[in-house]
mmCIF file of all heavy atoms, coordinates in Angstrom:
data_MODEL
# 
_entry.id   MODEL 
# 
loop_
_atom_site.group_PDB 
_atom_site.id 
_atom_site.type_symbol 
_atom_site.label_atom_id 
_atom_site.label_alt_id 
_atom_site.label_comp_id 
_atom_site.label_asym_id 
_atom_site.label_entity_id 
_atom_site.label_seq_id 
_atom_site.pdbx_PDB_ins_code 
_atom_site.Cartn_x 
_atom_site.Cartn_y 
_atom_site.Cartn_z 
_atom_site.occupancy 
_atom_site.B_iso_or_equiv 
_atom_site.pdbx_formal_charge 
_atom_site.auth_seq_id 
_atom_site.auth_comp_id 
_atom_site.auth_asym_id 
_atom_site.auth_atom_id 
_atom_site.pdbx_PDB_model_num 
ATOM 1   N N   . SER A 1 1  ? 0.858   -1.245 -0.045 1.00 0.00 ? 1  SER A N   1 
ATOM 2   C CA  . SER A 1 1  ? -0.021  -0.023 0.059  1.00 0.00 ? 1  SER A CA  1 
ATOM 3   C C   . SER A 1 1  ? 0.881   1.269  0.021  1.00 0.00 ? 1  SER A C   1 
ATOM 4   O O   . SER A 1 1  ? 1.765   1.354  0.793  1.00 0.00 ? 1  SER A O   1 
ATOM 5   C CB  . SER A 1 1  ? -0.877  0.014  1.207  1.00 0.00 ? 1  SER A CB  1 
ATOM 6   O OG  . SER A 1 1  ? -1.493  1.236  1.364  1.00 0.00 ? 1  SER A OG  1 
ATOM 7   N N   . PHE A 1 2  ? 0.583   2.142  -0.881 1.00 0.00 ? 2  PHE A N   1 
ATOM 8   C CA  . PHE A 1 2  ? 1.289   3.504  -0.942 1.00 0.00 ? 2  PHE A CA  1 
ATOM 9   C C   . PHE A 1 2  ? 0.388   4.611  -0.300 1.00 0.00 ? 2  PHE A C   1 
ATOM 10  O O   . PHE A 1 2  ? 0.731   5.691  -0.340 1.00 0.00 ? 2  PHE A O   1 
ATOM 11  C CB  . PHE A 1 2  ? 1.585   3.829  -2.331 1.00 0.00 ? 2  PHE A CB  1 
ATOM 12  C CG  . PHE A 1 2  ? 2.773   3.265  -2.961 1.00 0.00 ? 2  PHE A CG  1 
ATOM 13  C CD1 . PHE A 1 2  ? 2.714   2.608  -4.170 1.00 0.00 ? 2  PHE A CD1 1 
ATOM 14  C CD2 . PHE A 1 2  ? 3.948   3.225  -2.204 1.00 0.00 ? 2  PHE A CD2 1 
ATOM 15  C CE1 . PHE A 1 2  ? 3.836   2.025  -4.715 1.00 0.00 ? 2  PHE A CE1 1 
ATOM 16  C CE2 . PHE A 1 2  ? 5.129   2.671  -2.781 1.00 0.00 ? 2  PHE A CE2 1 
ATOM 17  C CZ  . PHE A 1 2  ? 5.088   2.020  -3.987 1.00 0.00 ? 2  PHE A CZ  1 
ATOM 18  N N   . GLY A 1 3  ? -0.720  4.164  0.427  1.00 0.00 ? 3  GLY A N   1 
ATOM 19  C CA  . GLY A 1 3  ? -1.629  5.113  0.977  1.00 0.00 ? 3  GLY A CA  1 
ATOM 20  C C   . GLY A 1 3  ? -1.808  5.084  2.409  1.00 0.00 ? 3  GLY A C   1 
ATOM 21  O O   . GLY A 1 3  ? -2.891  5.524  3.002  1.00 0.00 ? 3  GLY A O   1 
ATOM 22  N N   . HIS A 1 4  ? -0.947  4.383  3.204  1.00 0.00 ? 4  HIS A N   1 
ATOM 23  C CA  . HIS A 1 4  ? -1.167  4.170  4.584  1.00 0.00 ? 4  HIS A CA  1 
ATOM 24  C C   . HIS A 1 4  ? -1.013  5.487  5.370  1.00 0.00 ? 4  HIS A C   1 
ATOM 25  O O   . HIS A 1 4  ? -1.503  5.488  6.537  1.00 0.00 ? 4  HIS A O   1 
ATOM 26  C CB  . HIS A 1 4  ? -0.101  3.142  5.106  1.00 0.00 ? 4  HIS A CB  1 
ATOM 27  C CG  . HIS A 1 4  ? -0.862  1.824  5.435  1.00 0.00 ? 4  HIS A CG  1 
ATOM 28  N ND1 . HIS A 1 4  ? -1.597  1.173  4.543  1.00 0.00 ? 4  HIS A ND1 1 
ATOM 29  C CD2 . HIS A 1 4  ? -0.825  0.986  6.516  1.00 0.00 ? 4  HIS A CD2 1 
ATOM 30  C CE1 . HIS A 1 4  ? -2.146  0.028  5.063  1.00 0.00 ? 4  HIS A CE1 1 
ATOM 31  N NE2 . HIS A 1 4  ? -1.634  -0.109 6.250  1.00 0.00 ? 4  HIS A NE2 1 
ATOM 32  N N   . ALA A 1 5  ? -0.417  6.408  4.822  1.00 0.00 ? 5  ALA A N   1 
ATOM 33  C CA  . ALA A 1 5  ? -0.348  7.769  5.530  1.00 0.00 ? 5  ALA A CA  1 
ATOM 34  C C   . ALA A 1 5  ? -1.750  8.364  5.767  1.00 0.00 ? 5  ALA A C   1 
ATOM 35  O O   . ALA A 1 5  ? -2.038  9.130  6.683  1.00 0.00 ? 5  ALA A O   1 
ATOM 36  C CB  . ALA A 1 5  ? 0.509   8.761  4.844  1.00 0.00 ? 5  ALA A CB  1 
ATOM 37  N N   . ALA A 1 6  ? -2.634  7.935  4.774  1.00 0.00 ? 6  ALA A N   1 
ATOM 38  C CA  . ALA A 1 6  ? -4.056  8.510  5.023  1.00 0.00 ? 6  ALA A CA  1 
ATOM 39  C C   . ALA A 1 6  ? -4.645  8.005  6.305  1.00 0.00 ? 6  ALA A C   1 
ATOM 40  O O   . ALA A 1 6  ? -5.399  8.848  6.967  1.00 0.00 ? 6  ALA A O   1 
ATOM 41  C CB  . ALA A 1 6  ? -4.909  7.919  3.768  1.00 0.00 ? 6  ALA A CB  1 
ATOM 42  N N   . PHE A 1 7  ? -4.361  6.802  6.702  1.00 0.00 ? 7  PHE A N   1 
ATOM 43  C CA  . PHE A 1 7  ? -4.946  6.236  8.081  1.00 0.00 ? 7  PHE A CA  1 
ATOM 44  C C   . PHE A 1 7  ? -4.140  6.890  9.198  1.00 0.00 ? 7  PHE A C   1 
ATOM 45  O O   . PHE A 1 7  ? -4.818  7.272  10.165 1.00 0.00 ? 7  PHE A O   1 
ATOM 46  C CB  . PHE A 1 7  ? -4.822  4.808  8.044  1.00 0.00 ? 7  PHE A CB  1 
ATOM 47  C CG  . PHE A 1 7  ? -5.279  4.131  6.789  1.00 0.00 ? 7  PHE A CG  1 
ATOM 48  C CD1 . PHE A 1 7  ? -4.448  3.238  6.128  1.00 0.00 ? 7  PHE A CD1 1 
ATOM 49  C CD2 . PHE A 1 7  ? -6.493  4.418  6.202  1.00 0.00 ? 7  PHE A CD2 1 
ATOM 50  C CE1 . PHE A 1 7  ? -4.880  2.599  4.992  1.00 0.00 ? 7  PHE A CE1 1 
ATOM 51  C CE2 . PHE A 1 7  ? -6.891  3.863  5.045  1.00 0.00 ? 7  PHE A CE2 1 
ATOM 52  C CZ  . PHE A 1 7  ? -6.112  2.961  4.400  1.00 0.00 ? 7  PHE A CZ  1 
ATOM 53  N N   . PHE A 1 8  ? -2.869  7.119  9.005  1.00 0.00 ? 8  PHE A N   1 
ATOM 54  C CA  . PHE A 1 8  ? -2.132  7.649  10.096 1.00 0.00 ? 8  PHE A CA  1 
ATOM 55  C C   . PHE A 1 8  ? -2.514  9.082  10.313 1.00 0.00 ? 8  PHE A C   1 
ATOM 56  O O   . PHE A 1 8  ? -2.752  9.499  11.442 1.00 0.00 ? 8  PHE A O   1 
ATOM 57  C CB  . PHE A 1 8  ? -0.481  7.602  9.672  1.00 0.00 ? 8  PHE A CB  1 
ATOM 58  C CG  . PHE A 1 8  ? 0.353   8.107  10.718 1.00 0.00 ? 8  PHE A CG  1 
ATOM 59  C CD1 . PHE A 1 8  ? 0.760   7.304  11.777 1.00 0.00 ? 8  PHE A CD1 1 
ATOM 60  C CD2 . PHE A 1 8  ? 0.853   9.392  10.593 1.00 0.00 ? 8  PHE A CD2 1 
ATOM 61  C CE1 . PHE A 1 8  ? 1.721   7.825  12.734 1.00 0.00 ? 8  PHE A CE1 1 
ATOM 62  C CE2 . PHE A 1 8  ? 1.835   9.923  11.514 1.00 0.00 ? 8  PHE A CE2 1 
ATOM 63  C CZ  . PHE A 1 8  ? 2.162   9.099  12.610 1.00 0.00 ? 8  PHE A CZ  1 
ATOM 64  N N   . GLY A 1 9  ? -2.552  9.934  9.200  1.00 0.00 ? 9  GLY A N   1 
ATOM 65  C CA  . GLY A 1 9  ? -2.818  11.288 9.392  1.00 0.00 ? 9  GLY A CA  1 
ATOM 66  C C   . GLY A 1 9  ? -4.285  11.564 9.742  1.00 0.00 ? 9  GLY A C   1 
ATOM 67  O O   . GLY A 1 9  ? -4.607  12.438 10.508 1.00 0.00 ? 9  GLY A O   1 
ATOM 68  N N   . SER A 1 10 ? -5.215  10.815 9.159  1.00 0.00 ? 10 SER A N   1 
ATOM 69  C CA  . SER A 1 10 ? -6.658  11.079 9.445  1.00 0.00 ? 10 SER A CA  1 
ATOM 70  C C   . SER A 1 10 ? -6.972  10.784 11.001 1.00 0.00 ? 10 SER A C   1 
ATOM 71  O O   . SER A 1 10 ? -7.681  11.563 11.592 1.00 0.00 ? 10 SER A O   1 
ATOM 72  C CB  . SER A 1 10 ? -7.592  10.183 8.606  1.00 0.00 ? 10 SER A CB  1 
ATOM 73  O OG  . SER A 1 10 ? -7.293  8.842  8.707  1.00 0.00 ? 10 SER A OG  1 
ATOM 74  N N   . ALA A 1 11 ? -6.366  9.706  11.457 1.00 0.00 ? 11 ALA A N   1 
ATOM 75  C CA  . ALA A 1 11 ? -6.509  9.428  12.916 1.00 0.00 ? 11 ALA A CA  1 
ATOM 76  C C   . ALA A 1 11 ? -5.931  10.530 13.730 1.00 0.00 ? 11 ALA A C   1 
ATOM 77  O O   . ALA A 1 11 ? -6.462  10.885 14.858 1.00 0.00 ? 11 ALA A O   1 
ATOM 78  C CB  . ALA A 1 11 ? -5.913  8.032  13.211 1.00 0.00 ? 11 ALA A CB  1 
ATOM 79  N N   . ALA A 1 12 ? -4.760  11.054 13.381 1.00 0.00 ? 12 ALA A N   1 
ATOM 80  C CA  . ALA A 1 12 ? -4.141  12.142 14.044 1.00 0.00 ? 12 ALA A CA  1 
ATOM 81  C C   . ALA A 1 12 ? -5.033  13.398 14.077 1.00 0.00 ? 12 ALA A C   1 
ATOM 82  O O   . ALA A 1 12 ? -5.148  14.026 15.183 1.00 0.00 ? 12 ALA A O   1 
ATOM 83  C CB  . ALA A 1 12 ? -2.739  12.466 13.394 1.00 0.00 ? 12 ALA A CB  1 
ATOM 84  N N   . TYR A 1 13 ? -5.661  13.665 13.004 1.00 0.00 ? 13 TYR A N   1 
ATOM 85  C CA  . TYR A 1 13 ? -6.563  14.874 12.951 1.00 0.00 ? 13 TYR A CA  1 
ATOM 86  C C   . TYR A 1 13 ? -7.809  14.556 13.772 1.00 0.00 ? 13 TYR A C   1 
ATOM 87  O O   . TYR A 1 13 ? -8.369  15.442 14.560 1.00 0.00 ? 13 TYR A O   1 
ATOM 88  C CB  . TYR A 1 13 ? -6.985  15.129 11.528 1.00 0.00 ? 13 TYR A CB  1 
ATOM 89  C CG  . TYR A 1 13 ? -5.982  16.117 10.832 1.00 0.00 ? 13 TYR A CG  1 
ATOM 90  C CD1 . TYR A 1 13 ? -5.236  15.547 9.752  1.00 0.00 ? 13 TYR A CD1 1 
ATOM 91  C CD2 . TYR A 1 13 ? -5.848  17.379 11.156 1.00 0.00 ? 13 TYR A CD2 1 
ATOM 92  C CE1 . TYR A 1 13 ? -4.364  16.364 9.126  1.00 0.00 ? 13 TYR A CE1 1 
ATOM 93  C CE2 . TYR A 1 13 ? -4.896  18.220 10.419 1.00 0.00 ? 13 TYR A CE2 1 
ATOM 94  C CZ  . TYR A 1 13 ? -4.191  17.666 9.444  1.00 0.00 ? 13 TYR A CZ  1 
ATOM 95  O OH  . TYR A 1 13 ? -3.208  18.480 8.807  1.00 0.00 ? 13 TYR A OH  1 
ATOM 96  N N   . ILE A 1 14 ? -8.413  13.418 13.707 1.00 0.00 ? 14 ILE A N   1 
ATOM 97  C CA  . ILE A 1 14 ? -9.602  13.057 14.426 1.00 0.00 ? 14 ILE A CA  1 
ATOM 98  C C   . ILE A 1 14 ? -9.363  13.203 15.972 1.00 0.00 ? 14 ILE A C   1 
ATOM 99  O O   . ILE A 1 14 ? -10.099 13.776 16.631 1.00 0.00 ? 14 ILE A O   1 
ATOM 100 C CB  . ILE A 1 14 ? -10.099 11.690 14.058 1.00 0.00 ? 14 ILE A CB  1 
ATOM 101 C CG1 . ILE A 1 14 ? -10.637 11.555 12.639 1.00 0.00 ? 14 ILE A CG1 1 
ATOM 102 C CG2 . ILE A 1 14 ? -11.191 11.226 15.049 1.00 0.00 ? 14 ILE A CG2 1 
ATOM 103 C CD1 . ILE A 1 14 ? -10.955 10.235 12.030 1.00 0.00 ? 14 ILE A CD1 1 
ATOM 104 N N   . THR A 1 15 ? -8.250  12.541 16.372 1.00 0.00 ? 15 THR A N   1 
ATOM 105 C CA  . THR A 1 15 ? -7.962  12.610 17.777 1.00 0.00 ? 15 THR A CA  1 
ATOM 106 C C   . THR A 1 15 ? -7.608  14.008 18.279 1.00 0.00 ? 15 THR A C   1 
ATOM 107 O O   . THR A 1 15 ? -8.172  14.437 19.380 1.00 0.00 ? 15 THR A O   1 
ATOM 108 C CB  . THR A 1 15 ? -6.736  11.684 18.032 1.00 0.00 ? 15 THR A CB  1 
ATOM 109 O OG1 . THR A 1 15 ? -7.027  10.369 17.710 1.00 0.00 ? 15 THR A OG1 1 
ATOM 110 C CG2 . THR A 1 15 ? -6.304  11.734 19.462 1.00 0.00 ? 15 THR A CG2 1 
ATOM 111 N N   . GLY A 1 16 ? -6.911  14.783 17.442 1.00 0.00 ? 16 GLY A N   1 
ATOM 112 C CA  . GLY A 1 16 ? -6.543  16.082 17.840 1.00 0.00 ? 16 GLY A CA  1 
ATOM 113 C C   . GLY A 1 16 ? -7.747  17.057 17.931 1.00 0.00 ? 16 GLY A C   1 
ATOM 114 O O   . GLY A 1 16 ? -7.889  17.804 18.909 1.00 0.00 ? 16 GLY A O   1 
ATOM 115 N N   . TYR A 1 17 ? -8.699  16.843 16.979 1.00 0.00 ? 17 TYR A N   1 
ATOM 116 C CA  . TYR A 1 17 ? -9.838  17.698 16.977 1.00 0.00 ? 17 TYR A CA  1 
ATOM 117 C C   . TYR A 1 17 ? -10.743 17.351 18.156 1.00 0.00 ? 17 TYR A C   1 
ATOM 118 O O   . TYR A 1 17 ? -11.286 18.234 18.808 1.00 0.00 ? 17 TYR A O   1 
ATOM 119 C CB  . TYR A 1 17 ? -10.602 17.539 15.648 1.00 0.00 ? 17 TYR A CB  1 
ATOM 120 C CG  . TYR A 1 17 ? -11.935 18.154 15.630 1.00 0.00 ? 17 TYR A CG  1 
ATOM 121 C CD1 . TYR A 1 17 ? -12.104 19.592 15.586 1.00 0.00 ? 17 TYR A CD1 1 
ATOM 122 C CD2 . TYR A 1 17 ? -13.119 17.441 15.788 1.00 0.00 ? 17 TYR A CD2 1 
ATOM 123 C CE1 . TYR A 1 17 ? -13.360 20.187 15.476 1.00 0.00 ? 17 TYR A CE1 1 
ATOM 124 C CE2 . TYR A 1 17 ? -14.393 17.962 15.679 1.00 0.00 ? 17 TYR A CE2 1 
ATOM 125 C CZ  . TYR A 1 17 ? -14.515 19.396 15.641 1.00 0.00 ? 17 TYR A CZ  1 
ATOM 126 O OH  . TYR A 1 17 ? -15.804 19.921 15.666 1.00 0.00 ? 17 TYR A OH  1 
ATOM 127 N N   . LEU A 1 18 ? -10.968 16.111 18.329 1.00 0.00 ? 18 LEU A N   1 
ATOM 128 C CA  . LEU A 1 18 ? -11.938 15.682 19.485 1.00 0.00 ? 18 LEU A CA  1 
ATOM 129 C C   . LEU A 1 18 ? -11.362 16.030 20.838 1.00 0.00 ? 18 LEU A C   1 
ATOM 130 O O   . LEU A 1 18 ? -12.184 16.405 21.692 1.00 0.00 ? 18 LEU A O   1 
ATOM 131 C CB  . LEU A 1 18 ? -12.185 14.181 19.327 1.00 0.00 ? 18 LEU A CB  1 
ATOM 132 C CG  . LEU A 1 18 ? -12.993 13.620 18.279 1.00 0.00 ? 18 LEU A CG  1 
ATOM 133 C CD1 . LEU A 1 18 ? -13.106 12.145 18.183 1.00 0.00 ? 18 LEU A CD1 1 
ATOM 134 C CD2 . LEU A 1 18 ? -14.324 14.306 18.043 1.00 0.00 ? 18 LEU A CD2 1 
ATOM 135 N N   . ILE A 1 19 ? -10.085 15.965 21.020 1.00 0.00 ? 19 ILE A N   1 
ATOM 136 C CA  . ILE A 1 19 ? -9.531  16.264 22.339 1.00 0.00 ? 19 ILE A CA  1 
ATOM 137 C C   . ILE A 1 19 ? -9.449  17.786 22.593 1.00 0.00 ? 19 ILE A C   1 
ATOM 138 O O   . ILE A 1 19 ? -9.788  18.277 23.635 1.00 0.00 ? 19 ILE A O   1 
ATOM 139 C CB  . ILE A 1 19 ? -8.131  15.675 22.463 1.00 0.00 ? 19 ILE A CB  1 
ATOM 140 C CG1 . ILE A 1 19 ? -8.228  14.124 22.582 1.00 0.00 ? 19 ILE A CG1 1 
ATOM 141 C CG2 . ILE A 1 19 ? -7.431  16.218 23.651 1.00 0.00 ? 19 ILE A CG2 1 
ATOM 142 C CD1 . ILE A 1 19 ? -6.881  13.457 22.672 1.00 0.00 ? 19 ILE A CD1 1 
ATOM 143 N N   . LYS A 1 20 ? -9.073  18.471 21.471 1.00 0.00 ? 20 LYS A N   1 
ATOM 144 C CA  . LYS A 1 20 ? -8.900  19.975 21.638 1.00 0.00 ? 20 LYS A CA  1 
ATOM 145 C C   . LYS A 1 20 ? -10.264 20.738 21.588 1.00 0.00 ? 20 LYS A C   1 
ATOM 146 O O   . LYS A 1 20 ? -10.477 21.584 22.412 1.00 0.00 ? 20 LYS A O   1 
ATOM 147 C CB  . LYS A 1 20 ? -8.078  20.455 20.577 1.00 0.00 ? 20 LYS A CB  1 
ATOM 148 C CG  . LYS A 1 20 ? -7.774  21.967 20.558 1.00 0.00 ? 20 LYS A CG  1 
ATOM 149 C CD  . LYS A 1 20 ? -6.816  22.480 19.506 1.00 0.00 ? 20 LYS A CD  1 
ATOM 150 C CE  . LYS A 1 20 ? -6.554  24.003 19.573 1.00 0.00 ? 20 LYS A CE  1 
ATOM 151 N NZ  . LYS A 1 20 ? -5.746  24.451 18.407 1.00 0.00 ? 20 LYS A NZ  1 
ATOM 152 N N   . SER A 1 21 ? -11.173 20.367 20.663 1.00 0.00 ? 21 SER A N   1 
ATOM 153 C CA  . SER A 1 21 ? -12.380 21.166 20.433 1.00 0.00 ? 21 SER A CA  1 
ATOM 154 C C   . SER A 1 21 ? -13.538 20.504 21.169 1.00 0.00 ? 21 SER A C   1 
ATOM 155 O O   . SER A 1 21 ? -14.508 21.278 21.502 1.00 0.00 ? 21 SER A O   1 
ATOM 156 C CB  . SER A 1 21 ? -12.596 21.237 19.009 1.00 0.00 ? 21 SER A CB  1 
ATOM 157 O OG  . SER A 1 21 ? -11.594 21.883 18.391 1.00 0.00 ? 21 SER A OG  1 
ATOM 158 N N   . GLN A 1 22 ? -13.593 19.187 21.280 1.00 0.00 ? 22 GLN A N   1 
ATOM 159 C CA  . GLN A 1 22 ? -14.747 18.536 21.883 1.00 0.00 ? 22 GLN A CA  1 
ATOM 160 C C   . GLN A 1 22 ? -14.529 17.985 23.345 1.00 0.00 ? 22 GLN A C   1 
ATOM 161 O O   . GLN A 1 22 ? -15.407 17.324 23.888 1.00 0.00 ? 22 GLN A O   1 
ATOM 162 C CB  . GLN A 1 22 ? -15.164 17.359 21.062 1.00 0.00 ? 22 GLN A CB  1 
ATOM 163 C CG  . GLN A 1 22 ? -15.459 17.868 19.646 1.00 0.00 ? 22 GLN A CG  1 
ATOM 164 C CD  . GLN A 1 22 ? -16.599 18.779 19.501 1.00 0.00 ? 22 GLN A CD  1 
ATOM 165 O OE1 . GLN A 1 22 ? -17.585 18.654 20.202 1.00 0.00 ? 22 GLN A OE1 1 
ATOM 166 N NE2 . GLN A 1 22 ? -16.454 19.843 18.608 1.00 0.00 ? 22 GLN A NE2 1 
ATOM 167 N N   . ASN A 1 23 ? -13.307 18.255 23.873 1.00 0.00 ? 23 ASN A N   1 
ATOM 168 C CA  . ASN A 1 23 ? -12.971 17.909 25.277 1.00 0.00 ? 23 ASN A CA  1 
ATOM 169 C C   . ASN A 1 23 ? -13.058 16.496 25.514 1.00 0.00 ? 23 ASN A C   1 
ATOM 170 O O   . ASN A 1 23 ? -13.429 16.031 26.599 1.00 0.00 ? 23 ASN A O   1 
ATOM 171 C CB  . ASN A 1 23 ? -13.864 18.744 26.293 1.00 0.00 ? 23 ASN A CB  1 
ATOM 172 C CG  . ASN A 1 23 ? -13.684 20.238 26.199 1.00 0.00 ? 23 ASN A CG  1 
ATOM 173 O OD1 . ASN A 1 23 ? -12.587 20.713 26.013 1.00 0.00 ? 23 ASN A OD1 1 
ATOM 174 N ND2 . ASN A 1 23 ? -14.798 20.952 26.226 1.00 0.00 ? 23 ASN A ND2 1 
ATOM 175 N N   . PHE A 1 24 ? -12.748 15.692 24.539 1.00 0.00 ? 24 PHE A N   1 
ATOM 176 C CA  . PHE A 1 24 ? -12.598 14.168 24.734 1.00 0.00 ? 24 PHE A CA  1 
ATOM 177 C C   . PHE A 1 24 ? -11.435 13.882 25.678 1.00 0.00 ? 24 PHE A C   1 
ATOM 178 O O   . PHE A 1 24 ? -10.447 14.609 25.642 1.00 0.00 ? 24 PHE A O   1 
ATOM 179 C CB  . PHE A 1 24 ? -12.483 13.522 23.483 1.00 0.00 ? 24 PHE A CB  1 
ATOM 180 C CG  . PHE A 1 24 ? -13.825 13.142 22.721 1.00 0.00 ? 24 PHE A CG  1 
ATOM 181 C CD1 . PHE A 1 24 ? -14.815 14.123 22.660 1.00 0.00 ? 24 PHE A CD1 1 
ATOM 182 C CD2 . PHE A 1 24 ? -14.048 11.939 22.144 1.00 0.00 ? 24 PHE A CD2 1 
ATOM 183 C CE1 . PHE A 1 24 ? -15.989 13.796 22.061 1.00 0.00 ? 24 PHE A CE1 1 
ATOM 184 C CE2 . PHE A 1 24 ? -15.208 11.628 21.496 1.00 0.00 ? 24 PHE A CE2 1 
ATOM 185 C CZ  . PHE A 1 24 ? -16.217 12.560 21.460 1.00 0.00 ? 24 PHE A CZ  1 
ATOM 186 N N   . THR A 1 25 ? -11.618 12.819 26.351 1.00 0.00 ? 25 THR A N   1 
ATOM 187 C CA  . THR A 1 25 ? -10.413 12.272 27.178 1.00 0.00 ? 25 THR A CA  1 
ATOM 188 C C   . THR A 1 25 ? -9.446  11.588 26.180 1.00 0.00 ? 25 THR A C   1 
ATOM 189 O O   . THR A 1 25 ? -9.822  11.211 25.109 1.00 0.00 ? 25 THR A O   1 
ATOM 190 C CB  . THR A 1 25 ? -10.776 11.387 28.238 1.00 0.00 ? 25 THR A CB  1 
ATOM 191 O OG1 . THR A 1 25 ? -11.614 10.279 27.733 1.00 0.00 ? 25 THR A OG1 1 
ATOM 192 C CG2 . THR A 1 25 ? -11.752 12.047 29.314 1.00 0.00 ? 25 THR A CG2 1 
ATOM 193 N N   . PRO A 1 26 ? -8.192  11.548 26.516 1.00 0.00 ? 26 PRO A N   1 
ATOM 194 C CA  . PRO A 1 26 ? -7.198  10.881 25.592 1.00 0.00 ? 26 PRO A CA  1 
ATOM 195 C C   . PRO A 1 26 ? -7.526  9.488  25.119 1.00 0.00 ? 26 PRO A C   1 
ATOM 196 O O   . PRO A 1 26 ? -7.447  9.200  23.970 1.00 0.00 ? 26 PRO A O   1 
ATOM 197 C CB  . PRO A 1 26 ? -5.916  10.821 26.500 1.00 0.00 ? 26 PRO A CB  1 
ATOM 198 C CG  . PRO A 1 26 ? -6.061  11.911 27.520 1.00 0.00 ? 26 PRO A CG  1 
ATOM 199 C CD  . PRO A 1 26 ? -7.543  11.865 27.789 1.00 0.00 ? 26 PRO A CD  1 
ATOM 200 N N   . GLU A 1 27 ? -8.061  8.636  26.053 1.00 0.00 ? 27 GLU A N   1 
ATOM 201 C CA  . GLU A 1 27 ? -8.350  7.283  25.588 1.00 0.00 ? 27 GLU A CA  1 
ATOM 202 C C   . GLU A 1 27 ? -9.514  7.301  24.605 1.00 0.00 ? 27 GLU A C   1 
ATOM 203 O O   . GLU A 1 27 ? -9.524  6.507  23.594 1.00 0.00 ? 27 GLU A O   1 
ATOM 204 C CB  . GLU A 1 27 ? -8.638  6.412  26.794 1.00 0.00 ? 27 GLU A CB  1 
ATOM 205 C CG  . GLU A 1 27 ? -9.924  6.557  27.534 1.00 0.00 ? 27 GLU A CG  1 
ATOM 206 C CD  . GLU A 1 27 ? -9.915  7.761  28.485 1.00 0.00 ? 27 GLU A CD  1 
ATOM 207 O OE1 . GLU A 1 27 ? -8.848  8.393  28.557 1.00 0.00 ? 27 GLU A OE1 1 
ATOM 208 O OE2 . GLU A 1 27 ? -10.886 8.087  29.162 1.00 0.00 ? 27 GLU A OE2 1 
ATOM 209 N N   . LEU A 1 28 ? -10.458 8.115  24.823 1.00 0.00 ? 28 LEU A N   1 
ATOM 210 C CA  . LEU A 1 28 ? -11.655 8.180  23.829 1.00 0.00 ? 28 LEU A CA  1 
ATOM 211 C C   . LEU A 1 28 ? -11.211 8.815  22.506 1.00 0.00 ? 28 LEU A C   1 
ATOM 212 O O   . LEU A 1 28 ? -11.695 8.373  21.488 1.00 0.00 ? 28 LEU A O   1 
ATOM 213 C CB  . LEU A 1 28 ? -12.835 9.078  24.461 1.00 0.00 ? 28 LEU A CB  1 
ATOM 214 C CG  . LEU A 1 28 ? -13.555 8.443  25.683 1.00 0.00 ? 28 LEU A CG  1 
ATOM 215 C CD1 . LEU A 1 28 ? -14.642 9.378  26.116 1.00 0.00 ? 28 LEU A CD1 1 
ATOM 216 C CD2 . LEU A 1 28 ? -14.152 7.067  25.269 1.00 0.00 ? 28 LEU A CD2 1 
# 
């Protein structure tokens, strides 16, 4: 696969947004 960065980066953005803007706990 030449597209695995898509999963790495999308998860990074999802986690960052939820923790920073939606006040999710780290594990969630």
